[in-house]
Structure formats: structure tokens, C-alpha cells
Amino acid sequence: MVKKAKIAQNLFFILGLLALGIMIYKIGLDNIWNDIKQTGWWFLPIIGLWCIIYLLNTIACNLIIQDGSPEAKNVKFLRLFKLVISGFAINYITPFGLMGGEPYKIIELQPTLGIQKATSSVLLATMMHFVSHFIFWMVSIPLLLFLVPVLSDTVALGMILSSATSFLLLMWAYRIYTRGGVDRALLLGSRLPFIGKRIKAYKQEHQDKIEQMDYLISDLYKNRKKDFIISLLLELLSRFLICVEVVLMMRAIGWPVSFGQSVLIESIQSLVGNLLFFMPMQMGSREGGMIMVYGLLSIPLSYAVFVSLCKRIREIFWTVVGVLLIKIKKY
């Protein structure tokens, strides 16, 4: 098991370096350097802001893991902080978002927590992250009514559909929180062509472990509601804290925006980016969302390009940190 974990760790590290190289090549060193010079010292609070955001994510994840069991106490906070940063970095550079970061965290936590608890804890932390997104979109998208005087029929329809979809996703999340979702997911997977028979065989062979994972998932909401609520609030707080990034970037180029505008900017660009989740590094999708919302707010579109590039540079920095942390074993 240790050997397999080492191979997986090295694979994630190599893929991370390769993806970083591709991203830097696509953006262009000249564009990166010019943006850094234009932003100047504002990059210090922008980079530092994400240290706080990752810290909130780690506290939320730690609340989920620390259920009073002896093995949970062996997961040190600094180690979890490292895994959170590395996990987000891997998710960012892999297609389909969660194809890398979540399995990486499960592999790293398995020796300490066991496969059932490691899997259920990572799934719960991921669900918290998703649910905070859904709530964030539901709260922020209606800001269009106050910040944009006249909405086109297309934009109004998109706002209604986005809010309704977020509400339905919240209902889906509630079902998982109360009943678990591993058994249900495998049941659906067993109906897929080609791989369905293997999934069905795995489900039958490991039914006890699957039921245990579902119990651990539902236990947080049913029996540890205080930890559940605090964890969710911390994730939601981190979503709104990300909006401060846009305020700092726009102030760097002398075009201040209100916090409400920054919330709307972050909401729409993240919504568009997540709709195109299959694209590695959200290349192009985020820029499209950014240009869309800047047009709605009547802000020069050149600033949308600037902010998009600033975000890319910040992501490159933290992705480098996350990939390098994969190789650090002392925490």
C-alpha cells in the first residue's frame, strides 16, 4: 500500500509540473510579466488572501474529520493544510475538476484513517465545498436585479434557471447528507455499459464497507449538527472572501468596484467556469464569464482581461506551491 501511495504521489507531482508548463506556455511569459508589473505590490495581499481562504477550507475539513475517534486525532492540522492546498492544485490542473485532488487526499489519508473514513471525510468536505457554491450562486445572482438597471430576456432567463438549478442541487445535497450517496452512486454506475458489471461485482463484494461509508456521511448531519453548520459556514465565508480578490485587482488599476459588484463578478465567472468543468484549468471558460459580467456592469472589457490574467497568475503561484507540497513529507 505504501508503495502504491508513493507511485500515485510521484504521478500527481509529474502531471502537476507538466500542466503548469502548458499553462505558462499558453498564457505567455511576456503577458505574465507585464501583468505582474502593472499589478505591482497588490499581488502581496492577493496571494496572502488565498492563504486565509485555504486555512478556512482546512478548518472546515478538520471539523468533519475530528469525530472523536482515535485515528482522527492522528491527522495533524498542518498536514491537512498541506493536503488541502495540494488537492486544490491537482483539481485545478486536471480535467473534470475532481479527477485528481480528491483521490489524492483519500490516498494520503487512508493509512491514518482507513479507507472508509478517509473516503467519507473527503466526500463530505467536497460536498461542503459544492453546497457553499450553490448557496453563493443563489444569494449572489439576484444582485443582477439591483446592479444592472435593464436586463435582457436572455440574461433574466439565465438568472432564473441558475437559481432554480442551484436550489435543486441543494435538495440533492440534502439527500446525500441525510442518507449517504455511495451505495446509490454505485447502483447507478452498475447500469452503465462496459463497466457496469465490474461496478456491480465490486458493490456486492464490498457492501458492508459501502454501508459504513454512507453511515459516516449521514452521521455528520444527523449526530454532529454543530460541526456540520460551522463547516458549511466556513466554506461559505471562504466563497465571499474570494470576492475581495476582485476588489484588490480592480483597485490596482485604478477602477474601484463595490463589494456587491465583486460578488456578482465572481459568481458569474465561477458559474460559467463550473458549467464547463470538463476543461482543464478552465481555459477560456472563465475569461468568457468575466467578459460577460463586465459587459453587464458597463465596465471596460479590457479590465476583464486584466483581472482574468491576474487570477491566472495567482493560480499559477498556488499551484506551484501545491505541487511542491506533494513531495514534502514532514508536517
Protein backbone atom coordinates (compact mmCIF):
# COMPACT_ATOMS: atom_id res chain seq x y z
CA MET A 1 0.00 0.00 0.00
CA VAL A 2 2.86 2.41 0.85
CA LYS A 3 4.49 1.65 -2.50
CA LYS A 4 1.25 2.36 -4.39
CA ALA A 5 0.78 5.61 -2.50
CA LYS A 6 4.34 6.63 -3.40
CA ILE A 7 3.72 5.87 -7.09
CA ALA A 8 0.48 7.89 -7.03
CA GLN A 9 2.24 10.77 -5.29
CA ASN A 10 5.00 10.85 -7.91
CA LEU A 11 2.44 10.64 -10.71
CA PHE A 12 0.48 13.60 -9.35
CA PHE A 13 3.74 15.54 -8.99
CA ILE A 14 4.85 14.89 -12.58
CA LEU A 15 1.40 15.66 -14.02
CA GLY A 16 1.33 18.86 -11.99
CA LEU A 17 4.64 20.06 -13.36
CA LEU A 18 3.59 19.19 -16.90
CA ALA A 19 0.25 21.03 -16.60
CA LEU A 20 1.97 24.07 -15.13
CA GLY A 21 4.36 24.19 -18.05
CA ILE A 22 1.46 24.01 -20.53
CA MET A 23 -0.46 26.76 -18.72
CA ILE A 24 2.52 29.12 -18.57
CA TYR A 25 3.26 28.46 -22.26
CA LYS A 26 -0.36 29.21 -23.27
CA ILE A 27 -0.51 32.44 -21.24
CA GLY A 28 2.95 33.59 -22.32
CA LEU A 29 5.81 34.75 -20.11
CA ASP A 30 5.60 38.28 -21.54
CA ASN A 31 1.91 38.57 -20.62
CA ILE A 32 2.56 37.24 -17.12
CA TRP A 33 5.47 39.63 -16.52
CA ASN A 34 3.58 42.69 -17.85
CA ASP A 35 0.59 41.90 -15.64
CA ILE A 36 2.80 41.46 -12.58
CA LYS A 37 4.43 44.86 -13.24
CA GLN A 38 1.05 46.52 -13.71
CA THR A 39 -0.42 45.00 -10.54
CA GLY A 40 2.72 45.65 -8.50
CA TRP A 41 2.67 45.20 -4.75
CA TRP A 42 -1.09 44.47 -4.85
CA PHE A 43 -0.13 40.88 -5.61
CA LEU A 44 1.05 40.51 -1.99
CA PRO A 45 -2.44 40.86 -0.44
CA ILE A 46 -3.96 38.93 -3.37
CA ILE A 47 -1.64 35.96 -2.75
CA GLY A 48 -2.00 36.28 1.02
CA LEU A 49 -5.79 36.33 0.79
CA TRP A 50 -5.73 32.78 -0.55
CA CYS A 51 -3.66 31.60 2.38
CA ILE A 52 -6.62 32.66 4.58
CA ILE A 53 -9.12 31.01 2.21
CA TYR A 54 -7.21 27.70 2.25
CA LEU A 55 -6.99 27.98 6.03
CA LEU A 56 -10.79 28.27 6.28
CA ASN A 57 -11.17 25.26 3.96
CA THR A 58 -8.79 23.29 6.19
CA ILE A 59 -10.63 24.20 9.40
CA ALA A 60 -13.91 23.09 7.76
CA CYS A 61 -12.34 19.80 6.65
CA ASN A 62 -10.77 19.25 10.07
CA LEU A 63 -14.16 19.65 11.76
CA ILE A 64 -15.50 16.87 9.55
CA ILE A 65 -12.60 14.51 10.28
CA GLN A 66 -12.36 15.10 14.04
CA ASP A 67 -15.27 12.96 15.20
CA GLY A 68 -13.61 11.87 18.45
CA SER A 69 -12.19 8.62 17.08
CA PRO A 70 -8.57 7.73 17.99
CA GLU A 71 -7.41 7.61 14.36
CA ALA A 72 -8.84 11.08 13.64
CA LYS A 73 -6.61 12.59 16.34
CA ASN A 74 -3.57 11.39 14.39
CA VAL A 75 -4.39 13.71 11.48
CA LYS A 76 -2.38 16.83 12.28
CA PHE A 77 -3.78 20.19 11.20
CA LEU A 78 -0.63 21.24 9.34
CA ARG A 79 -0.69 18.00 7.36
CA LEU A 80 -4.32 18.59 6.45
CA PHE A 81 -3.49 22.17 5.42
CA LYS A 82 -0.86 20.78 3.05
CA LEU A 83 -3.31 18.26 1.59
CA VAL A 84 -5.97 20.92 1.03
CA ILE A 85 -3.57 23.18 -0.90
CA SER A 86 -2.17 20.27 -2.94
CA GLY A 87 -5.66 18.87 -3.55
CA PHE A 88 -6.95 22.15 -4.97
CA ALA A 89 -3.82 22.46 -7.11
CA ILE A 90 -4.32 18.98 -8.57
CA ASN A 91 -8.03 19.60 -9.16
CA TYR A 92 -7.20 22.79 -10.98
CA ILE A 93 -4.82 21.17 -13.47
CA THR A 94 -6.83 18.00 -14.17
CA PRO A 95 -9.86 17.70 -16.47
CA PHE A 96 -13.29 17.19 -14.90
CA GLY A 97 -12.22 19.01 -11.74
CA LEU A 98 -12.26 16.22 -9.16
CA MET A 99 -10.36 13.58 -11.12
CA GLY A 100 -7.14 14.20 -9.19
CA GLY A 101 -7.36 16.18 -5.98
CA GLU A 102 -9.95 14.11 -4.13
CA PRO A 103 -8.36 10.70 -4.91
CA TYR A 104 -5.00 12.18 -3.87
CA LYS A 105 -6.36 13.24 -0.48
CA ILE A 106 -8.01 9.85 0.04
CA ILE A 107 -4.74 8.06 -0.77
CA GLU A 108 -2.82 10.29 1.65
CA LEU A 109 -5.35 9.97 4.49
CA GLN A 110 -6.04 6.24 4.08
CA PRO A 111 -3.03 4.97 6.10
CA THR A 112 -4.18 7.06 9.08
CA LEU A 113 -7.97 6.92 8.86
CA GLY A 114 -8.66 3.74 6.93
CA ILE A 115 -10.30 3.66 3.53
CA GLN A 116 -13.91 4.07 4.70
CA LYS A 117 -13.34 7.11 6.89
CA ALA A 118 -10.81 8.67 4.51
CA THR A 119 -13.27 8.35 1.62
CA SER A 120 -16.32 9.56 3.55
CA SER A 121 -14.40 12.53 5.05
CA VAL A 122 -13.08 13.68 1.68
CA LEU A 123 -16.53 13.26 0.09
CA LEU A 124 -18.13 15.29 2.89
CA ALA A 125 -15.53 18.06 2.59
CA THR A 126 -16.10 18.13 -1.18
CA MET A 127 -19.86 18.26 -0.66
CA MET A 128 -19.43 21.21 1.72
CA HIS A 129 -17.43 22.98 -0.97
CA PHE A 130 -20.13 22.26 -3.57
CA VAL A 131 -23.02 23.30 -1.33
CA SER A 132 -21.29 26.57 -0.46
CA HIS A 133 -21.08 27.20 -4.22
CA PHE A 134 -24.80 26.54 -4.66
CA ILE A 135 -25.75 28.86 -1.80
CA PHE A 136 -23.31 31.50 -3.05
CA TRP A 137 -24.90 31.43 -6.53
CA MET A 138 -28.44 31.58 -5.12
CA VAL A 139 -27.55 34.61 -2.98
CA SER A 140 -25.37 36.48 -5.48
CA ILE A 141 -27.12 36.01 -8.84
CA PRO A 142 -30.18 38.10 -7.79
CA LEU A 143 -27.73 41.01 -7.35
CA LEU A 144 -28.22 41.49 -11.09
CA LEU A 145 -31.62 43.00 -10.28
CA PHE A 146 -30.00 45.74 -8.22
CA LEU A 147 -26.72 46.33 -10.06
CA VAL A 148 -27.94 46.12 -13.67
CA PRO A 149 -30.85 48.50 -14.41
CA VAL A 150 -32.13 46.75 -17.53
CA LEU A 151 -31.79 43.01 -18.05
CA SER A 152 -32.24 41.36 -21.40
CA ASP A 153 -34.68 38.46 -21.64
CA THR A 154 -31.75 36.05 -22.13
CA VAL A 155 -29.94 37.24 -19.00
CA ALA A 156 -33.16 37.18 -16.94
CA LEU A 157 -33.90 33.63 -18.09
CA GLY A 158 -30.33 32.57 -17.30
CA MET A 159 -30.66 34.07 -13.81
CA ILE A 160 -33.91 32.17 -13.15
CA LEU A 161 -32.53 28.88 -14.47
CA SER A 162 -29.29 29.24 -12.48
CA SER A 163 -31.16 29.96 -9.23
CA ALA A 164 -33.58 27.08 -9.82
CA THR A 165 -30.73 24.68 -10.66
CA SER A 166 -28.83 25.72 -7.53
CA PHE A 167 -31.95 25.05 -5.43
CA LEU A 168 -32.38 21.58 -6.95
CA LEU A 169 -28.72 20.80 -6.33
CA LEU A 170 -29.18 21.83 -2.70
CA MET A 171 -32.05 19.35 -2.43
CA TRP A 172 -29.80 16.65 -3.91
CA ALA A 173 -27.07 17.54 -1.40
CA TYR A 174 -29.57 17.33 1.47
CA ARG A 175 -30.45 13.79 0.43
CA ILE A 176 -26.80 12.77 0.49
CA TYR A 177 -26.24 14.42 3.86
CA THR A 178 -29.17 12.52 5.38
CA ARG A 179 -28.81 9.14 3.65
CA GLY A 180 -25.32 8.98 2.18
CA GLY A 181 -24.73 8.51 -1.52
CA VAL A 182 -22.05 5.90 -2.17
CA ASP A 183 -24.44 2.95 -2.46
CA ARG A 184 -26.78 4.92 -4.72
CA ALA A 185 -23.91 6.09 -6.95
CA LEU A 186 -22.61 2.54 -7.37
CA LEU A 187 -26.13 1.29 -8.10
CA LEU A 188 -26.45 3.81 -10.93
CA GLY A 189 -22.93 3.02 -12.11
CA SER A 190 -23.76 -0.68 -12.33
CA ARG A 191 -26.20 0.14 -15.12
CA LEU A 192 -23.55 1.74 -17.32
CA PRO A 193 -22.38 -0.09 -20.44
CA PHE A 194 -18.94 -1.75 -20.47
CA ILE A 195 -18.03 -1.05 -16.81
CA GLY A 196 -21.42 -1.75 -15.21
CA LYS A 197 -20.73 -5.42 -14.46
CA ARG A 198 -17.47 -4.63 -12.68
CA ILE A 199 -19.12 -1.92 -10.59
CA LYS A 200 -21.94 -4.31 -9.67
CA ALA A 201 -19.44 -7.02 -8.67
CA TYR A 202 -17.49 -4.50 -6.55
CA LYS A 203 -20.72 -3.35 -4.87
CA GLN A 204 -21.71 -6.91 -3.98
CA GLU A 205 -18.25 -7.75 -2.67
CA HIS A 206 -17.84 -4.64 -0.52
CA GLN A 207 -21.44 -3.95 0.55
CA ASP A 208 -20.52 -3.74 4.25
CA LYS A 209 -17.82 -1.13 3.60
CA ILE A 210 -20.16 0.83 1.34
CA GLU A 211 -22.85 0.91 4.02
CA GLN A 212 -20.25 2.04 6.55
CA MET A 213 -19.21 4.93 4.31
CA ASP A 214 -22.83 6.01 3.85
CA TYR A 215 -23.31 5.85 7.62
CA LEU A 216 -20.24 8.05 8.19
CA ILE A 217 -21.53 10.56 5.63
CA SER A 218 -25.01 10.82 7.15
CA ASP A 219 -23.64 10.80 10.71
CA LEU A 220 -22.24 14.33 10.36
CA TYR A 221 -25.66 15.85 9.67
CA LYS A 222 -27.69 13.60 11.97
CA ASN A 223 -25.48 13.47 15.06
CA ARG A 224 -22.93 16.30 14.71
CA LYS A 225 -25.06 19.21 13.53
CA LYS A 226 -22.86 21.84 15.18
CA ASP A 227 -19.80 20.63 13.24
CA PHE A 228 -21.93 20.42 10.09
CA ILE A 229 -23.21 24.01 10.37
CA ILE A 230 -19.84 25.52 11.30
CA SER A 231 -18.09 23.65 8.49
CA LEU A 232 -20.64 24.84 5.94
CA LEU A 233 -20.49 28.44 7.21
CA LEU A 234 -16.69 28.43 6.95
CA GLU A 235 -16.87 27.21 3.36
CA LEU A 236 -19.49 29.86 2.54
CA LEU A 237 -17.36 32.54 4.20
CA SER A 238 -14.42 31.50 2.04
CA ARG A 239 -16.61 31.94 -1.08
CA PHE A 240 -17.38 35.55 -0.16
CA LEU A 241 -13.79 36.18 0.86
CA ILE A 242 -12.69 35.23 -2.66
CA CYS A 243 -14.68 38.25 -3.90
CA VAL A 244 -12.23 40.55 -2.11
CA GLU A 245 -9.68 39.41 -4.69
CA VAL A 246 -11.59 41.20 -7.47
CA VAL A 247 -11.77 44.38 -5.35
CA LEU A 248 -7.98 44.33 -4.88
CA MET A 249 -7.28 43.64 -8.56
CA MET A 250 -9.55 46.43 -9.76
CA ARG A 251 -8.08 48.87 -7.26
CA ALA A 252 -4.61 48.02 -8.58
CA ILE A 253 -5.56 49.52 -11.95
CA GLY A 254 -7.46 52.49 -10.53
CA TRP A 255 -11.06 51.38 -11.21
CA PRO A 256 -12.61 50.65 -7.79
CA VAL A 257 -15.62 48.35 -7.68
CA SER A 258 -18.03 47.79 -4.81
CA PHE A 259 -18.11 44.54 -2.88
CA GLY A 260 -21.54 43.83 -4.37
CA GLN A 261 -20.12 44.17 -7.88
CA SER A 262 -17.20 41.91 -7.00
CA VAL A 263 -19.63 39.28 -5.67
CA LEU A 264 -21.53 39.36 -8.95
CA ILE A 265 -18.30 39.18 -10.99
CA GLU A 266 -17.02 36.20 -9.02
CA SER A 267 -20.40 34.47 -9.08
CA ILE A 268 -20.96 34.62 -12.84
CA GLN A 269 -17.40 33.79 -13.84
CA SER A 270 -17.32 30.80 -11.46
CA LEU A 271 -20.75 29.68 -12.67
CA VAL A 272 -19.61 29.70 -16.30
CA GLY A 273 -16.35 28.00 -15.34
CA ASN A 274 -18.17 25.22 -13.48
CA LEU A 275 -20.62 24.68 -16.33
CA LEU A 276 -17.56 23.90 -18.46
CA PHE A 277 -15.98 21.81 -15.69
CA PHE A 278 -14.51 19.32 -18.15
CA MET A 279 -11.95 21.86 -19.37
CA PRO A 280 -8.59 21.62 -17.56
CA MET A 281 -7.65 24.85 -15.81
CA GLN A 282 -10.98 26.31 -17.07
CA MET A 283 -9.03 27.70 -20.01
CA GLY A 284 -11.26 30.14 -21.90
CA SER A 285 -14.42 29.49 -19.89
CA ARG A 286 -13.52 31.84 -17.04
CA GLU A 287 -12.47 34.58 -19.45
CA GLY A 288 -15.81 34.26 -21.25
CA GLY A 289 -17.74 34.55 -17.99
CA MET A 290 -15.63 37.51 -16.92
CA ILE A 291 -16.22 39.39 -20.18
CA MET A 292 -19.95 38.66 -19.92
CA VAL A 293 -20.37 40.13 -16.45
CA TYR A 294 -18.10 43.12 -17.11
CA GLY A 295 -20.29 43.94 -20.11
CA LEU A 296 -23.41 43.76 -17.93
CA LEU A 297 -21.82 46.13 -15.39
CA SER A 298 -20.66 48.53 -18.15
CA ILE A 299 -17.02 48.19 -17.11
CA PRO A 300 -14.42 48.30 -19.92
CA LEU A 301 -13.82 44.78 -21.21
CA SER A 302 -10.05 45.33 -21.18
CA TYR A 303 -10.29 45.25 -17.36
CA ALA A 304 -11.99 41.85 -17.57
CA VAL A 305 -8.96 40.55 -19.47
CA PHE A 306 -6.64 42.10 -16.87
CA VAL A 307 -8.48 40.52 -13.91
CA SER A 308 -8.63 37.14 -15.68
CA LEU A 309 -4.87 37.23 -16.21
CA CYS A 310 -4.29 38.30 -12.59
CA LYS A 311 -6.32 35.31 -11.44
CA ARG A 312 -4.28 33.02 -13.69
CA ILE A 313 -1.03 34.31 -12.20
CA ARG A 314 -2.32 33.84 -8.66
CA GLU A 315 -3.42 30.32 -9.57
CA ILE A 316 -0.01 29.55 -11.05
CA PHE A 317 1.63 30.65 -7.79
CA TRP A 318 -0.58 28.49 -5.56
CA THR A 319 -0.48 25.58 -8.00
CA VAL A 320 3.31 25.65 -7.85
CA VAL A 321 3.10 25.67 -4.04
CA GLY A 322 0.56 22.84 -4.04
CA VAL A 323 2.55 20.66 -6.44
CA LEU A 324 5.78 21.19 -4.48
CA LEU A 325 3.99 20.33 -1.21
CA ILE A 326 3.19 16.90 -2.66
CA LYS A 327 6.86 15.99 -2.21
CA ILE A 328 7.10 17.31 1.35
CA LYS A 329 6.52 14.53 3.87
CA LYS A 330 7.39 16.33 7.11
CA TYR A 331 4.46 18.21 8.57
